[in-house]
Amino acid sequence: MRSETPAVPVDDSAPGDGLVKAGVILFAVGAVATLVTVAPLFLGTDPFPTVAYLVSMLMGVGFLVAAAGLLRSVAAQRRQARRASAVSAQPR
């Protein structure tokens, strides 16, 4: 049956998937830190220390890490497509 779980685990991860996941996590942490550091402006309280603003920069770092993972995945797919076309183009 096709709906059954295979006995051997299948590795569906492609190159760059780990970078994309890490980038999403970093982006989320940076987004939360940005919201936290902007909140005192609306609440009229004392601003947070500089470290909080530095943590909010993780949002940009996360975006760059995820973009690097995406580019790595695209490059791997292009290499795989080239190999497949080279094999199919060989004379028999």
Protein backbone atom coordinates (compact mmCIF):
# COMPACT_ATOMS: atom_id res chain seq x y z
CA MET A 1 0.00 0.00 0.00
CA ARG A 2 1.24 3.45 -0.81
CA SER A 3 -0.13 5.01 2.36
CA GLU A 4 2.13 2.94 4.61
CA THR A 5 5.29 4.40 6.06
CA PRO A 6 8.40 2.94 4.42
CA ALA A 7 10.61 0.73 6.60
CA VAL A 8 13.70 2.69 5.59
CA PRO A 9 13.58 6.43 6.31
CA VAL A 10 13.74 8.53 3.16
CA ASP A 11 16.04 11.55 3.16
CA ASP A 12 14.09 14.27 1.35
CA SER A 13 16.41 17.09 2.35
CA ALA A 14 18.05 18.99 -0.45
CA PRO A 15 21.23 21.06 -0.25
CA GLY A 16 20.43 24.38 1.37
CA ASP A 17 17.38 23.23 3.35
CA GLY A 18 19.24 23.56 6.63
CA LEU A 19 20.31 27.09 5.79
CA VAL A 20 16.75 28.06 4.94
CA LYS A 21 15.44 26.64 8.22
CA ALA A 22 18.17 28.39 10.22
CA GLY A 23 17.48 31.63 8.34
CA VAL A 24 13.79 31.46 9.17
CA ILE A 25 14.58 30.96 12.86
CA LEU A 26 17.04 33.86 12.89
CA PHE A 27 14.56 36.06 11.05
CA ALA A 28 11.82 35.23 13.57
CA VAL A 29 14.09 35.99 16.53
CA GLY A 30 15.10 39.28 14.93
CA ALA A 31 11.48 40.21 14.18
CA VAL A 32 10.43 39.60 17.78
CA ALA A 33 13.44 41.60 19.02
CA THR A 34 12.48 44.45 16.68
CA LEU A 35 8.95 44.52 18.05
CA VAL A 36 10.29 44.49 21.61
CA THR A 37 12.74 47.33 20.96
CA VAL A 38 10.10 49.50 19.27
CA ALA A 39 7.52 48.96 22.04
CA PRO A 40 9.05 51.50 24.48
CA LEU A 41 8.59 54.22 21.87
CA PHE A 42 4.83 53.68 21.95
CA LEU A 43 4.59 52.97 25.67
CA GLY A 44 6.63 55.99 26.75
CA THR A 45 9.10 53.95 28.82
CA ASP A 46 12.89 53.94 28.87
CA PRO A 47 14.48 52.40 25.78
CA PHE A 48 16.26 49.06 25.97
CA PRO A 49 20.07 48.78 26.02
CA THR A 50 22.10 48.59 22.81
CA VAL A 51 22.24 44.79 22.98
CA ALA A 52 18.51 44.60 22.25
CA TYR A 53 18.99 46.65 19.08
CA LEU A 54 21.87 44.41 18.03
CA VAL A 55 19.67 41.32 18.46
CA SER A 56 17.06 42.92 16.23
CA MET A 57 19.64 42.92 13.44
CA LEU A 58 19.30 39.14 13.33
CA MET A 59 16.28 39.76 11.13
CA GLY A 60 18.53 40.87 8.28
CA VAL A 61 21.07 38.14 9.00
CA GLY A 62 18.31 35.53 8.90
CA PHE A 63 17.12 36.86 5.56
CA LEU A 64 20.62 36.59 4.13
CA VAL A 65 21.15 33.07 5.49
CA ALA A 66 17.81 31.91 4.03
CA ALA A 67 18.66 33.51 0.69
CA ALA A 68 22.03 31.72 0.67
CA GLY A 69 20.24 28.42 1.32
CA LEU A 70 17.84 29.12 -1.51
CA LEU A 71 20.69 29.88 -3.91
CA ARG A 72 22.49 26.71 -2.83
CA SER A 73 19.36 24.68 -3.50
CA VAL A 74 18.90 26.27 -6.92
CA ALA A 75 22.52 25.53 -7.84
CA ALA A 76 22.15 21.88 -6.81
CA GLN A 77 18.98 21.51 -8.87
CA ARG A 78 20.68 23.04 -11.90
CA ARG A 79 23.62 20.64 -11.56
CA GLN A 80 21.21 17.72 -11.31
CA ALA A 81 19.30 18.89 -14.41
CA ARG A 82 22.55 19.26 -16.37
CA ARG A 83 23.60 15.73 -15.43
CA ALA A 84 20.22 14.36 -16.45
CA SER A 85 20.30 16.15 -19.80
CA ALA A 86 23.88 15.02 -20.44
CA VAL A 87 22.93 11.39 -19.77
CA SER A 88 19.86 11.58 -22.03
CA ALA A 89 21.86 13.27 -24.83
CA GLN A 90 24.47 10.48 -25.06
CA PRO A 91 24.17 8.30 -28.15
CA ARG A 92 23.08 4.70 -27.62
